[in-house]
C-alpha atoms as a PDB file:
ATOM      1  CA  MET A   1      -0.001  -0.068   0.065  1.00  0.00           C
ATOM      2  CA  GLU A   2       2.454   2.495   1.352  1.00  0.00           C
ATOM      3  CA  THR A   3       4.573   2.002  -2.475  1.00  0.00           C
ATOM      4  CA  ALA A   4       1.325   3.277  -4.057  1.00  0.00           C
ATOM      5  CA  THR A   5       1.171   6.775  -2.908  1.00  0.00           C
ATOM      6  CA  ARG A   6       5.017   7.174  -4.137  1.00  0.00           C
ATOM      7  CA  PRO A   7       5.100   9.958  -7.011  1.00  0.00           C
ATOM      8  CA  TYR A   8       7.594   7.579  -9.119  1.00  0.00           C
ATOM      9  CA  ALA A   9       5.404   4.152  -8.941  1.00  0.00           C
ATOM     10  CA  PHE A  10       3.740   2.608 -11.744  1.00  0.00           C
ATOM     11  CA  SER A  11       0.314   3.456 -12.595  1.00  0.00           C
ATOM     12  CA  ARG A  12      -1.702   1.897 -15.649  1.00  0.00           C
ATOM     13  CA  LYS A  13      -4.035   5.224 -15.296  1.00  0.00           C
ATOM     14  CA  VAL A  14      -0.594   7.608 -16.174  1.00  0.00           C
ATOM     15  CA  PHE A  15       0.973   4.979 -18.407  1.00  0.00           C
ATOM     16  CA  CYS A  16      -2.179   5.126 -20.334  1.00  0.00           C
ATOM     17  CA  GLU A  17      -1.956   8.460 -20.244  1.00  0.00           C
ATOM     18  CA  GLY A  18       1.375   9.033 -21.539  1.00  0.00           C
ATOM     19  CA  MET A  19       0.299   6.340 -25.061  1.00  0.00           C
ATOM     20  CA  ARG A  20      -2.337   8.423 -25.182  1.00  0.00           C
ATOM     21  CA  ASP A  21      -0.379  11.894 -25.248  1.00  0.00           C
ATOM     22  CA  GLY A  22       2.172   9.969 -27.294  1.00  0.00           C
ATOM     23  CA  VAL A  23      -0.087   8.953 -30.537  1.00  0.00           C
ATOM     24  CA  PRO A  24      -0.146  12.283 -32.297  1.00  0.00           C
ATOM     25  CA  ILE A  25       3.988  12.498 -31.379  1.00  0.00           C
ATOM     26  CA  ALA A  26       4.025   8.765 -32.329  1.00  0.00           C
ATOM     27  CA  LEU A  27       2.460  10.095 -35.959  1.00  0.00           C
ATOM     28  CA  GLY A  28       5.015  13.199 -36.273  1.00  0.00           C
ATOM     29  CA  TYR A  29       7.842  11.483 -35.894  1.00  0.00           C
ATOM     30  CA  PHE A  30       7.061   8.847 -38.271  1.00  0.00           C
ATOM     31  CA  ALA A  31       6.505  11.566 -41.076  1.00  0.00           C
ATOM     32  CA  VAL A  32       9.177  13.421 -40.001  1.00  0.00           C
ATOM     33  CA  SER A  33      11.979  10.215 -40.056  1.00  0.00           C
ATOM     34  CA  PHE A  34      11.015   8.995 -43.187  1.00  0.00           C
ATOM     35  CA  SER A  35      12.319  11.696 -44.791  1.00  0.00           C
ATOM     36  CA  LEU A  36      15.560  11.707 -42.535  1.00  0.00           C
ATOM     37  CA  GLY A  37      15.620   7.398 -44.390  1.00  0.00           C
ATOM     38  CA  ILE A  38      15.741   9.483 -47.729  1.00  0.00           C
ATOM     39  CA  ALA A  39      18.925  10.828 -46.268  1.00  0.00           C
ATOM     40  CA  ALA A  40      20.197   7.497 -44.086  1.00  0.00           C
ATOM     41  CA  ARG A  41      19.706   6.121 -47.612  1.00  0.00           C
ATOM     42  CA  LYS A  42      21.992   8.443 -49.726  1.00  0.00           C
ATOM     43  CA  ALA A  43      24.511   7.556 -46.534  1.00  0.00           C
ATOM     44  CA  GLY A  44      24.314   3.873 -47.259  1.00  0.00           C
ATOM     45  CA  LEU A  45      22.948   3.073 -44.525  1.00  0.00           C
ATOM     46  CA  THR A  46      20.752  -0.450 -44.510  1.00  0.00           C
ATOM     47  CA  PRO A  47      16.531  -0.610 -43.473  1.00  0.00           C
ATOM     48  CA  VAL A  48      18.085  -2.450 -40.529  1.00  0.00           C
ATOM     49  CA  GLN A  49      20.748   0.405 -39.309  1.00  0.00           C
ATOM     50  CA  GLY A  50      18.806   2.891 -40.515  1.00  0.00           C
ATOM     51  CA  PHE A  51      16.663   1.570 -37.838  1.00  0.00           C
ATOM     52  CA  PHE A  52      18.959   1.085 -34.873  1.00  0.00           C
ATOM     53  CA  ALA A  53      20.395   4.353 -35.643  1.00  0.00           C
ATOM     54  CA  SER A  54      17.149   6.265 -35.330  1.00  0.00           C
ATOM     55  CA  LEU A  55      15.974   4.260 -32.464  1.00  0.00           C
ATOM     56  CA  LEU A  56      19.852   5.009 -30.427  1.00  0.00           C
ATOM     57  CA  ASN A  57      19.761   8.524 -31.476  1.00  0.00           C
ATOM     58  CA  ASN A  58      15.870   9.946 -31.422  1.00  0.00           C
ATOM     59  CA  ALA A  59      16.931  13.722 -32.736  1.00  0.00           C
ATOM     60  CA  SER A  60      16.504  14.730 -36.661  1.00  0.00           C
ATOM     61  CA  ALA A  61      19.123  17.670 -36.036  1.00  0.00           C
ATOM     62  CA  GLY A  62      21.765  15.055 -34.815  1.00  0.00           C
ATOM     63  CA  GLU A  63      20.727  12.550 -37.012  1.00  0.00           C
ATOM     64  CA  TYR A  64      20.933  14.442 -40.432  1.00  0.00           C
ATOM     65  CA  ALA A  65      24.458  15.990 -39.418  1.00  0.00           C
ATOM     66  CA  ALA A  66      25.498  12.691 -38.812  1.00  0.00           C
ATOM     67  CA  PHE A  67      24.257  11.277 -42.340  1.00  0.00           C
ATOM     68  CA  ALA A  68      25.808  13.753 -43.711  1.00  0.00           C
ATOM     69  CA  LEU A  69      29.388  13.568 -42.540  1.00  0.00           C
ATOM     70  CA  ILE A  70      29.023   9.725 -42.913  1.00  0.00           C
ATOM     71  CA  ALA A  71      27.723  10.383 -46.403  1.00  0.00           C
ATOM     72  CA  SER A  72      31.333  12.270 -46.912  1.00  0.00           C
ATOM     73  CA  GLY A  73      33.077   9.555 -45.753  1.00  0.00           C
ATOM     74  CA  ALA A  74      33.851  11.649 -42.096  1.00  0.00           C
ATOM     75  CA  THR A  75      35.326   9.660 -39.058  1.00  0.00           C
ATOM     76  CA  TYR A  76      33.580   8.166 -35.999  1.00  0.00           C
ATOM     77  CA  LEU A  77      34.872  10.868 -33.998  1.00  0.00           C
ATOM     78  CA  GLU A  78      33.706  13.609 -35.764  1.00  0.00           C
ATOM     79  CA  VAL A  79      30.389  12.655 -35.968  1.00  0.00           C
ATOM     80  CA  ALA A  80      29.993  12.215 -32.311  1.00  0.00           C
ATOM     81  CA  ILE A  81      31.329  15.485 -31.633  1.00  0.00           C
ATOM     82  CA  ILE A  82      29.041  16.972 -34.338  1.00  0.00           C
ATOM     83  CA  THR A  83      26.035  15.125 -32.732  1.00  0.00           C
ATOM     84  CA  LEU A  84      26.373  16.093 -29.378  1.00  0.00           C
ATOM     85  CA  ILE A  85      26.591  19.701 -30.638  1.00  0.00           C
ATOM     86  CA  ALA A  86      23.558  19.345 -32.353  1.00  0.00           C
ATOM     87  CA  ASN A  87      22.460  17.866 -29.503  1.00  0.00           C
ATOM     88  CA  ALA A  88      23.094  20.091 -27.115  1.00  0.00           C
ATOM     89  CA  ARG A  89      20.053  21.619 -26.190  1.00  0.00           C
ATOM     90  CA  TYR A  90      18.414  18.424 -24.710  1.00  0.00           C
ATOM     91  CA  LEU A  91      21.311  18.629 -21.549  1.00  0.00           C
ATOM     92  CA  LEU A  92      18.635  22.007 -20.325  1.00  0.00           C
ATOM     93  CA  MET A  93      16.163  19.672 -21.190  1.00  0.00           C
ATOM     94  CA  SER A  94      16.736  16.733 -18.680  1.00  0.00           C
ATOM     95  CA  CYS A  95      18.192  19.849 -16.220  1.00  0.00           C
ATOM     96  CA  ALA A  96      14.516  21.288 -16.254  1.00  0.00           C
ATOM     97  CA  LEU A  97      13.616  17.452 -15.749  1.00  0.00           C
ATOM     98  CA  ALA A  98      15.709  16.164 -13.251  1.00  0.00           C
ATOM     99  CA  GLN A  99      14.208  19.065 -10.925  1.00  0.00           C
ATOM    100  CA  ARG A 100      10.654  17.656 -10.554  1.00  0.00           C
ATOM    101  CA  PHE A 101      11.509  14.065  -9.951  1.00  0.00           C
ATOM    102  CA  ALA A 102      10.311  12.967  -6.491  1.00  0.00           C
ATOM    103  CA  PRO A 103      12.719  12.571  -3.723  1.00  0.00           C
ATOM    104  CA  GLY A 104      13.583   9.254  -3.306  1.00  0.00           C
ATOM    105  CA  THR A 105      13.166   8.271  -7.549  1.00  0.00           C
ATOM    106  CA  PRO A 106      15.558   5.222  -8.006  1.00  0.00           C
ATOM    107  CA  PHE A 107      18.320   6.821 -10.690  1.00  0.00           C
ATOM    108  CA  PHE A 108      17.453   4.409 -13.177  1.00  0.00           C
ATOM    109  CA  HIS A 109      13.998   5.958 -13.945  1.00  0.00           C
ATOM    110  CA  ARG A 110      16.253   8.929 -15.104  1.00  0.00           C
ATOM    111  CA  LEU A 111      18.827   6.962 -16.923  1.00  0.00           C
ATOM    112  CA  ILE A 112      15.710   5.805 -19.157  1.00  0.00           C
ATOM    113  CA  ILE A 113      13.920   9.288 -19.332  1.00  0.00           C
ATOM    114  CA  GLY A 114      17.474  10.776 -20.495  1.00  0.00           C
ATOM    115  CA  TYR A 115      17.462   7.796 -23.602  1.00  0.00           C
ATOM    116  CA  ASP A 116      14.977   9.881 -25.176  1.00  0.00           C
ATOM    117  CA  VAL A 117      14.508  13.468 -24.014  1.00  0.00           C
ATOM    118  CA  THR A 118      13.127  15.135 -27.083  1.00  0.00           C
ATOM    119  CA  ASP A 119      11.743  18.358 -28.179  1.00  0.00           C
ATOM    120  CA  GLU A 120       7.724  17.236 -27.832  1.00  0.00           C
ATOM    121  CA  LEU A 121       8.302  14.305 -25.516  1.00  0.00           C
ATOM    122  CA  PHE A 122       9.296  17.360 -22.711  1.00  0.00           C
ATOM    123  CA  GLY A 123       6.888  19.628 -23.950  1.00  0.00           C
ATOM    124  CA  ILE A 124       4.676  16.926 -22.751  1.00  0.00           C
ATOM    125  CA  THR A 125       6.141  15.345 -19.521  1.00  0.00           C
ATOM    126  CA  ILE A 126       7.302  19.063 -18.116  1.00  0.00           C
ATOM    127  CA  ALA A 127       3.613  20.094 -18.504  1.00  0.00           C
ATOM    128  CA  ARG A 128       1.839  17.757 -15.856  1.00  0.00           C
ATOM    129  CA  PRO A 129       1.600  19.270 -12.608  1.00  0.00           C
ATOM    130  CA  GLY A 130       3.032  17.952  -9.400  1.00  0.00           C
ATOM    131  CA  TRP A 131       6.317  15.632  -9.138  1.00  0.00           C
ATOM    132  CA  LEU A 132       7.086  13.911 -12.619  1.00  0.00           C
ATOM    133  CA  ASN A 133       5.774  10.198 -12.896  1.00  0.00           C
ATOM    134  CA  PRO A 134       8.314   8.325 -15.237  1.00  0.00           C
ATOM    135  CA  PHE A 135       5.895   5.659 -16.072  1.00  0.00           C
ATOM    136  CA  TYR A 136       3.776   8.641 -17.995  1.00  0.00           C
ATOM    137  CA  THR A 137       6.905  10.031 -20.116  1.00  0.00           C
ATOM    138  CA  TYR A 138       7.489   5.878 -20.398  1.00  0.00           C
ATOM    139  CA  GLY A 139       3.843   5.127 -22.113  1.00  0.00           C
ATOM    140  CA  ALA A 140       4.803   8.016 -24.418  1.00  0.00           C
ATOM    141  CA  ILE A 141       8.185   6.593 -25.443  1.00  0.00           C
ATOM    142  CA  ALA A 142       6.832   3.728 -25.631  1.00  0.00           C
ATOM    143  CA  LEU A 143       4.847   4.890 -29.148  1.00  0.00           C
ATOM    144  CA  ALA A 144       7.156   7.918 -30.075  1.00  0.00           C
ATOM    145  CA  ALA A 145      10.895   5.808 -30.348  1.00  0.00           C
ATOM    146  CA  PRO A 146       9.424   3.334 -32.619  1.00  0.00           C
ATOM    147  CA  ALA A 147       7.727   5.061 -35.060  1.00  0.00           C
ATOM    148  CA  TRP A 148      10.874   7.328 -35.504  1.00  0.00           C
ATOM    149  CA  ALA A 149      12.723   4.237 -35.959  1.00  0.00           C
ATOM    150  CA  ALA A 150      10.497   2.466 -37.843  1.00  0.00           C
ATOM    151  CA  GLY A 151       9.808   5.926 -40.518  1.00  0.00           C
ATOM    152  CA  THR A 152      13.968   6.162 -40.661  1.00  0.00           C
ATOM    153  CA  ALA A 153      13.610   2.147 -42.237  1.00  0.00           C
ATOM    154  CA  CYS A 154      10.537   3.447 -43.937  1.00  0.00           C
ATOM    155  CA  GLY A 155      12.274   6.313 -46.006  1.00  0.00           C
ATOM    156  CA  ILE A 156      15.542   4.297 -46.465  1.00  0.00           C
ATOM    157  CA  ILE A 157      13.136   1.475 -48.300  1.00  0.00           C
ATOM    158  CA  ALA A 158      11.028   3.497 -50.376  1.00  0.00           C
ATOM    159  CA  GLY A 159      13.966   5.481 -51.122  1.00  0.00           C
ATOM    160  CA  ASN A 160      13.305   8.394 -54.099  1.00  0.00           C
ATOM    161  CA  LEU A 161      10.056   6.910 -55.069  1.00  0.00           C
ATOM    162  CA  LEU A 162       7.885   9.642 -53.497  1.00  0.00           C
ATOM    163  CA  PRO A 163       9.020  13.250 -54.542  1.00  0.00           C
ATOM    164  CA  LEU A 164      11.541  14.514 -51.433  1.00  0.00           C
ATOM    165  CA  ARG A 165       8.097  17.783 -50.936  1.00  0.00           C
ATOM    166  CA  ALA A 166       5.859  15.365 -50.933  1.00  0.00           C
ATOM    167  CA  VAL A 167       7.560  13.668 -47.440  1.00  0.00           C
ATOM    168  CA  SER A 168       8.116  17.096 -46.189  1.00  0.00           C
ATOM    169  CA  ALA A 169       4.629  18.067 -46.546  1.00  0.00           C
ATOM    170  CA  LEU A 170       3.944  15.299 -43.924  1.00  0.00           C
ATOM    171  CA  SER A 171       5.903  17.250 -41.140  1.00  0.00           C
ATOM    172  CA  VAL A 172       3.687  19.447 -40.575  1.00  0.00           C
ATOM    173  CA  ALA A 173       2.196  17.686 -38.397  1.00  0.00           C
ATOM    174  CA  LEU A 174       4.347  18.164 -35.641  1.00  0.00           C
ATOM    175  CA  TYR A 175       3.850  22.172 -36.185  1.00  0.00           C
ATOM    176  CA  GLY A 176       0.189  21.117 -35.154  1.00  0.00           C
ATOM    177  CA  MET A 177       1.443  19.189 -31.841  1.00  0.00           C
ATOM    178  CA  PHE A 178       3.885  21.922 -30.866  1.00  0.00           C
ATOM    179  CA  LEU A 179       0.918  24.734 -30.967  1.00  0.00           C
ATOM    180  CA  ALA A 180      -1.205  22.059 -28.790  1.00  0.00           C
ATOM    181  CA  ILE A 181       1.989  22.145 -26.399  1.00  0.00           C
ATOM    182  CA  ILE A 182       2.019  25.923 -26.171  1.00  0.00           C
ATOM    183  CA  ILE A 183      -1.341  27.453 -26.483  1.00  0.00           C
ATOM    184  CA  PRO A 184      -2.918  25.924 -22.929  1.00  0.00           C
ATOM    185  CA  PRO A 185      -0.124  27.380 -20.489  1.00  0.00           C
ATOM    186  CA  ALA A 186      -0.320  30.128 -22.610  1.00  0.00           C
ATOM    187  CA  ARG A 187      -3.502  30.791 -22.449  1.00  0.00           C
ATOM    188  CA  LYS A 188      -3.178  30.723 -18.401  1.00  0.00           C
ATOM    189  CA  SER A 189      -0.562  32.898 -17.808  1.00  0.00           C
ATOM    190  CA  LYS A 190       0.388  36.167 -19.826  1.00  0.00           C
ATOM    191  CA  VAL A 191       3.619  35.793 -18.431  1.00  0.00           C
ATOM    192  CA  VAL A 192       4.327  32.622 -20.895  1.00  0.00           C
ATOM    193  CA  ALA A 193       2.357  34.417 -23.816  1.00  0.00           C
ATOM    194  CA  ALA A 194       4.557  37.281 -23.700  1.00  0.00           C
ATOM    195  CA  LEU A 195       7.881  34.564 -23.898  1.00  0.00           C
ATOM    196  CA  VAL A 196       6.417  32.561 -26.255  1.00  0.00           C
ATOM    197  CA  ALA A 197       5.689  34.868 -28.466  1.00  0.00           C
ATOM    198  CA  ILE A 198       9.238  36.915 -27.579  1.00  0.00           C
ATOM    199  CA  SER A 199      10.964  33.566 -27.956  1.00  0.00           C
ATOM    200  CA  PHE A 200       9.204  33.110 -31.520  1.00  0.00           C
ATOM    201  CA  ALA A 201      10.495  36.742 -32.763  1.00  0.00           C
ATOM    202  CA  LEU A 202      14.274  36.650 -31.208  1.00  0.00           C
ATOM    203  CA  SER A 203      14.297  33.477 -32.664  1.00  0.00           C
ATOM    204  CA  PHE A 204      13.361  34.484 -36.520  1.00  0.00           C
ATOM    205  CA  VAL A 205      15.789  37.987 -36.009  1.00  0.00           C
ATOM    206  CA  CYS A 206      18.529  35.789 -34.640  1.00  0.00           C
ATOM    207  CA  THR A 207      18.019  33.806 -38.414  1.00  0.00           C
ATOM    208  CA  TYR A 208      19.728  36.871 -39.888  1.00  0.00           C
ATOM    209  CA  LEU A 209      21.648  38.387 -37.412  1.00  0.00           C
ATOM    210  CA  PRO A 210      25.346  38.457 -38.408  1.00  0.00           C
ATOM    211  CA  GLY A 211      27.283  36.336 -36.580  1.00  0.00           C
ATOM    212  CA  ILE A 212      24.572  34.639 -34.598  1.00  0.00           C
ATOM    213  CA  SER A 213      22.641  34.087 -38.000  1.00  0.00           C
ATOM    214  CA  ALA A 214      25.986  31.751 -38.555  1.00  0.00           C
ATOM    215  CA  LEU A 215      25.789  28.972 -35.925  1.00  0.00           C
ATOM    216  CA  SER A 216      23.443  26.279 -36.498  1.00  0.00           C
ATOM    217  CA  ASP A 217      19.696  25.773 -35.101  1.00  0.00           C
ATOM    218  CA  GLY A 218      21.168  24.033 -31.779  1.00  0.00           C
ATOM    219  CA  THR A 219      23.658  26.245 -30.968  1.00  0.00           C
ATOM    220  CA  ARG A 220      21.162  29.307 -31.196  1.00  0.00           C
ATOM    221  CA  THR A 221      18.347  27.312 -29.696  1.00  0.00           C
ATOM    222  CA  ILE A 222      20.804  26.793 -26.694  1.00  0.00           C
ATOM    223  CA  LEU A 223      21.580  30.338 -26.435  1.00  0.00           C
ATOM    224  CA  LEU A 224      18.463  31.744 -26.728  1.00  0.00           C
ATOM    225  CA  THR A 225      16.645  29.061 -24.146  1.00  0.00           C
ATOM    226  CA  VAL A 226      19.465  30.190 -22.160  1.00  0.00           C
ATOM    227  CA  ALA A 227      19.183  34.102 -22.222  1.00  0.00           C
ATOM    228  CA  ILE A 228      15.323  34.473 -21.990  1.00  0.00           C
ATOM    229  CA  SER A 229      14.377  31.681 -19.681  1.00  0.00           C
ATOM    230  CA  CYS A 230      16.668  33.224 -17.273  1.00  0.00           C
ATOM    231  CA  ALA A 231      15.624  36.963 -17.597  1.00  0.00           C
ATOM    232  CA  ALA A 232      12.107  35.052 -17.151  1.00  0.00           C
ATOM    233  CA  ALA A 233      13.614  33.541 -13.920  1.00  0.00           C
ATOM    234  CA  ILE A 234      14.883  36.825 -12.691  1.00  0.00           C
ATOM    235  CA  LEU A 235      12.111  39.256 -14.095  1.00  0.00           C
ATOM    236  CA  PHE A 236       8.936  36.617 -12.842  1.00  0.00           C
ATOM    237  CA  PRO A 237      10.012  34.232 -10.280  1.00  0.00           C
ATOM    238  CA  VAL A 238       7.569  31.432  -9.896  1.00  0.00           C
ATOM    239  CA  LYS A 239       6.170  30.630  -6.798  1.00  0.00           C
ATOM    240  CA  GLN A 240       6.517  27.565  -4.961  1.00  0.00           C
ATOM    241  CA  GLU A 241       3.659  26.028  -4.046  1.00  0.00           C
ATOM    242  CA  GLU A 242       3.633  23.180  -6.502  1.00  0.00           C
ATOM    243  CA  GLY A 243       4.671  20.510  -3.722  1.00  0.00           C
ATOM    244  CA  ASN A 244       4.435  16.745  -3.838  1.00  0.00           C
ATOM    245  CA  GLN A 245       0.847  17.304  -5.963  1.00  0.00           C
END
């Protein structure tokens, strides 16, 4: 009976909620990774290799960069460094999620969730109230990770049978999913709404600013995330009233 009260205890209801929220993510991932599979095929990967590459590295920017380097004959070290840089923003997301675990949560839960911290999975997880129940994220990962890997494999198999524009158009579902993540909290808080608008505006401006525009998308995302979040934390601190709901 005592384990049932622990925030990190298994809950079938919470796991199913994660699977439910993971359905649109899985659909969007399959569409995006399909086009990623075409890039993987150009790099010489087989469907099996592409499947496991995506299963072990669920990150579009990092994988695109890795496949491009593989196609150009880069060394393993170069591929590892570029992938680390392209995926560096997930370190920030992991730090934020780490603060949401209840005291006493076994360390292996952090490791498993850290395996698949993506923009979308982070968004739906961090929006949950109270302490983080890892089984919610597990439910979403159970659909999202296989869909991402399967999409890559199918893209390699299909090759160039479909026009690239047609495949890229399928990724529009992800933008709709992002809106579904940010609109509810933005409607509840004017501060969040303003920060979302500011982040959009600064992201657009930084793509044209001299110097900053030369940075990679991942690096610009990291810099903007740190700057905006620090400014928001200083100007609009959140009251400590969450507790362990």
